Amino acid sequence: MNVKFIHSNFFFHEFKKNFDAVWVCMVFGGISDDLLGQISRKITMRLNPNGLLFIIEATGNSNKNGAWKIRTVKDLLSFFPKIRLKKIITYTDAGQEISIIAGRKFSLNLYE
């Protein structure tokens, strides 16, 4: 198994590869809707057919302090229309709802 954990502010410019799995944890809340739209399209593009996307993110209906954007699970799912995401579980950490969301990218070929 060839596994690499990559952290980079210039991820999509540095790595011109596709991935079988992408893990995003507590990142999207710090990103505007416009930029998240761009990033979600790049993640979708670089994720192999049937590839897995995991998202762990603060969720809810309102921002507690306004510094970090809190989105609903439905809002997060809307950024990834080509990935069959679903909420796995929600838990509370330090008074904040946190959701674990996961799913596979739609395959272009039924036999992939």
C-alpha atoms as a PDB file:
ATOM      1  CA  MET A   1       0.000   0.000   0.000  1.00  0.00           C
ATOM      2  CA  ASN A   2       1.399   3.385  -0.995  1.00  0.00           C
ATOM      3  CA  VAL A   3       0.096   6.046   1.425  1.00  0.00           C
ATOM      4  CA  LYS A   4       1.287   9.644   1.661  1.00  0.00           C
ATOM      5  CA  PHE A   5      -0.062  12.384   3.903  1.00  0.00           C
ATOM      6  CA  ILE A   6       0.264  15.732   2.153  1.00  0.00           C
ATOM      7  CA  HIS A   7      -0.112  19.184   3.665  1.00  0.00           C
ATOM      8  CA  SER A   8       0.470  22.168   1.416  1.00  0.00           C
ATOM      9  CA  ASN A   9      -0.939  25.629   0.883  1.00  0.00           C
ATOM     10  CA  PHE A  10      -0.301  25.126  -2.851  1.00  0.00           C
ATOM     11  CA  PHE A  11      -1.581  21.573  -3.020  1.00  0.00           C
ATOM     12  CA  PHE A  12      -3.233  21.660  -6.449  1.00  0.00           C
ATOM     13  CA  HIS A  13      -0.347  23.565  -8.049  1.00  0.00           C
ATOM     14  CA  GLU A  14       2.329  21.233  -6.678  1.00  0.00           C
ATOM     15  CA  PHE A  15       0.679  17.841  -7.106  1.00  0.00           C
ATOM     16  CA  LYS A  16      -0.613  16.964 -10.562  1.00  0.00           C
ATOM     17  CA  LYS A  17      -1.816  13.502  -9.517  1.00  0.00           C
ATOM     18  CA  ASN A  18      -5.185  11.952  -8.891  1.00  0.00           C
ATOM     19  CA  PHE A  19      -6.029  10.361  -5.574  1.00  0.00           C
ATOM     20  CA  ASP A  20      -7.953   7.338  -4.339  1.00  0.00           C
ATOM     21  CA  ALA A  21      -8.844   9.067  -1.057  1.00  0.00           C
ATOM     22  CA  VAL A  22      -8.910  12.628   0.250  1.00  0.00           C
ATOM     23  CA  TRP A  23      -9.232  13.475   3.964  1.00  0.00           C
ATOM     24  CA  VAL A  24     -10.201  17.027   4.999  1.00  0.00           C
ATOM     25  CA  CYS A  25     -10.466  17.834   8.691  1.00  0.00           C
ATOM     26  CA  MET A  26     -11.588  21.197  10.110  1.00  0.00           C
ATOM     27  CA  VAL A  27     -10.509  23.242   7.086  1.00  0.00           C
ATOM     28  CA  PHE A  28     -13.608  24.358   5.188  1.00  0.00           C
ATOM     29  CA  GLY A  29     -14.854  26.650   7.973  1.00  0.00           C
ATOM     30  CA  GLY A  30     -11.921  28.963   7.313  1.00  0.00           C
ATOM     31  CA  ILE A  31     -12.715  29.262   3.606  1.00  0.00           C
ATOM     32  CA  SER A  32     -15.239  31.578   1.918  1.00  0.00           C
ATOM     33  CA  ASP A  33     -18.062  30.084  -0.157  1.00  0.00           C
ATOM     34  CA  ASP A  34     -16.471  31.284  -3.416  1.00  0.00           C
ATOM     35  CA  LEU A  35     -13.080  29.764  -2.629  1.00  0.00           C
ATOM     36  CA  LEU A  36     -14.653  26.591  -1.252  1.00  0.00           C
ATOM     37  CA  GLY A  37     -16.512  26.231  -4.551  1.00  0.00           C
ATOM     38  CA  GLN A  38     -13.212  26.375  -6.436  1.00  0.00           C
ATOM     39  CA  ILE A  39     -11.497  23.963  -4.049  1.00  0.00           C
ATOM     40  CA  SER A  40     -14.387  21.493  -4.088  1.00  0.00           C
ATOM     41  CA  ARG A  41     -14.277  21.378  -7.900  1.00  0.00           C
ATOM     42  CA  LYS A  42     -10.512  20.709  -7.795  1.00  0.00           C
ATOM     43  CA  ILE A  43     -10.936  17.972  -5.181  1.00  0.00           C
ATOM     44  CA  THR A  44     -13.662  16.378  -7.300  1.00  0.00           C
ATOM     45  CA  MET A  45     -11.513  16.621 -10.435  1.00  0.00           C
ATOM     46  CA  ARG A  46      -8.457  15.034  -8.744  1.00  0.00           C
ATOM     47  CA  LEU A  47     -10.388  12.262  -6.995  1.00  0.00           C
ATOM     48  CA  ASN A  48     -10.328   9.022  -9.009  1.00  0.00           C
ATOM     49  CA  PRO A  49     -13.652   7.432 -10.039  1.00  0.00           C
ATOM     50  CA  ASN A  50     -14.971   5.584  -6.974  1.00  0.00           C
ATOM     51  CA  GLY A  51     -12.420   7.508  -4.881  1.00  0.00           C
ATOM     52  CA  LEU A  52     -13.291   8.285  -1.263  1.00  0.00           C
ATOM     53  CA  LEU A  53     -13.741  11.729   0.265  1.00  0.00           C
ATOM     54  CA  PHE A  54     -13.834  12.167   4.048  1.00  0.00           C
ATOM     55  CA  ILE A  55     -14.834  15.476   5.602  1.00  0.00           C
ATOM     56  CA  ILE A  56     -14.802  16.282   9.322  1.00  0.00           C
ATOM     57  CA  GLU A  57     -16.175  19.762   9.840  1.00  0.00           C
ATOM     58  CA  ALA A  58     -17.990  21.991  12.325  1.00  0.00           C
ATOM     59  CA  THR A  59     -21.645  22.038  11.305  1.00  0.00           C
ATOM     60  CA  GLY A  60     -24.818  23.696  12.456  1.00  0.00           C
ATOM     61  CA  ASN A  61     -27.252  26.460  11.660  1.00  0.00           C
ATOM     62  CA  SER A  62     -25.355  29.479  12.981  1.00  0.00           C
ATOM     63  CA  ASN A  63     -21.878  30.814  13.644  1.00  0.00           C
ATOM     64  CA  LYS A  64     -20.986  30.938  17.312  1.00  0.00           C
ATOM     65  CA  ASN A  65     -18.388  33.684  17.099  1.00  0.00           C
ATOM     66  CA  GLY A  66     -18.400  34.639  13.421  1.00  0.00           C
ATOM     67  CA  ALA A  67     -14.674  33.995  12.938  1.00  0.00           C
ATOM     68  CA  TRP A  68     -15.192  30.479  11.588  1.00  0.00           C
ATOM     69  CA  LYS A  69     -17.918  29.807   9.007  1.00  0.00           C
ATOM     70  CA  ILE A  70     -20.274  27.134  10.249  1.00  0.00           C
ATOM     71  CA  ARG A  71     -22.211  25.458   7.440  1.00  0.00           C
ATOM     72  CA  THR A  72     -24.990  22.911   7.586  1.00  0.00           C
ATOM     73  CA  VAL A  73     -24.319  19.371   6.423  1.00  0.00           C
ATOM     74  CA  LYS A  74     -26.655  20.051   3.493  1.00  0.00           C
ATOM     75  CA  ASP A  75     -24.581  23.112   2.515  1.00  0.00           C
ATOM     76  CA  LEU A  76     -21.344  21.101   2.619  1.00  0.00           C
ATOM     77  CA  LEU A  77     -22.869  18.334   0.505  1.00  0.00           C
ATOM     78  CA  SER A  78     -23.949  20.890  -2.107  1.00  0.00           C
ATOM     79  CA  PHE A  79     -20.296  21.744  -2.854  1.00  0.00           C
ATOM     80  CA  PHE A  80     -19.683  18.157  -4.045  1.00  0.00           C
ATOM     81  CA  PRO A  81     -22.536  17.169  -6.421  1.00  0.00           C
ATOM     82  CA  LYS A  82     -20.462  14.475  -8.165  1.00  0.00           C
ATOM     83  CA  ILE A  83     -19.583  12.689  -4.930  1.00  0.00           C
ATOM     84  CA  ARG A  84     -22.137  10.513  -3.108  1.00  0.00           C
ATOM     85  CA  LEU A  85     -21.557  12.020   0.320  1.00  0.00           C
ATOM     86  CA  LYS A  86     -23.598  11.283   3.406  1.00  0.00           C
ATOM     87  CA  LYS A  87     -23.334  12.187   7.052  1.00  0.00           C
ATOM     88  CA  ILE A  88     -21.914   9.276   9.018  1.00  0.00           C
ATOM     89  CA  ILE A  89     -22.258  10.733  12.512  1.00  0.00           C
ATOM     90  CA  THR A  90     -22.459  14.006  14.401  1.00  0.00           C
ATOM     91  CA  TYR A  91     -20.887  14.606  17.807  1.00  0.00           C
ATOM     92  CA  THR A  92     -20.284  17.598  20.074  1.00  0.00           C
ATOM     93  CA  ASP A  93     -16.805  18.873  20.909  1.00  0.00           C
ATOM     94  CA  ALA A  94     -16.350  21.929  23.165  1.00  0.00           C
ATOM     95  CA  GLY A  95     -19.999  22.823  22.613  1.00  0.00           C
ATOM     96  CA  GLN A  96     -19.749  22.718  18.808  1.00  0.00           C
ATOM     97  CA  GLU A  97     -21.498  20.216  16.549  1.00  0.00           C
ATOM     98  CA  ILE A  98     -18.961  18.291  14.427  1.00  0.00           C
ATOM     99  CA  SER A  99     -20.039  16.076  11.535  1.00  0.00           C
ATOM    100  CA  ILE A 100     -18.202  13.270   9.826  1.00  0.00           C
ATOM    101  CA  ILE A 101     -19.194  13.051   6.169  1.00  0.00           C
ATOM    102  CA  ALA A 102     -17.942  10.472   3.682  1.00  0.00           C
ATOM    103  CA  GLY A 103     -18.648   9.134   0.229  1.00  0.00           C
ATOM    104  CA  ARG A 104     -17.408   7.967  -3.149  1.00  0.00           C
ATOM    105  CA  LYS A 105     -17.069   9.862  -6.389  1.00  0.00           C
ATOM    106  CA  PHE A 106     -19.529   8.742  -9.044  1.00  0.00           C
ATOM    107  CA  SER A 107     -17.870   6.347 -11.451  1.00  0.00           C
ATOM    108  CA  LEU A 108     -18.047   7.235 -15.136  1.00  0.00           C
ATOM    109  CA  ASN A 109     -18.061   3.552 -16.001  1.00  0.00           C
ATOM    110  CA  LEU A 110     -20.345   1.033 -14.307  1.00  0.00           C
ATOM    111  CA  TYR A 111     -17.547  -1.527 -14.364  1.00  0.00           C
ATOM    112  CA  GLU A 112     -14.886   0.612 -12.634  1.00  0.00           C
END
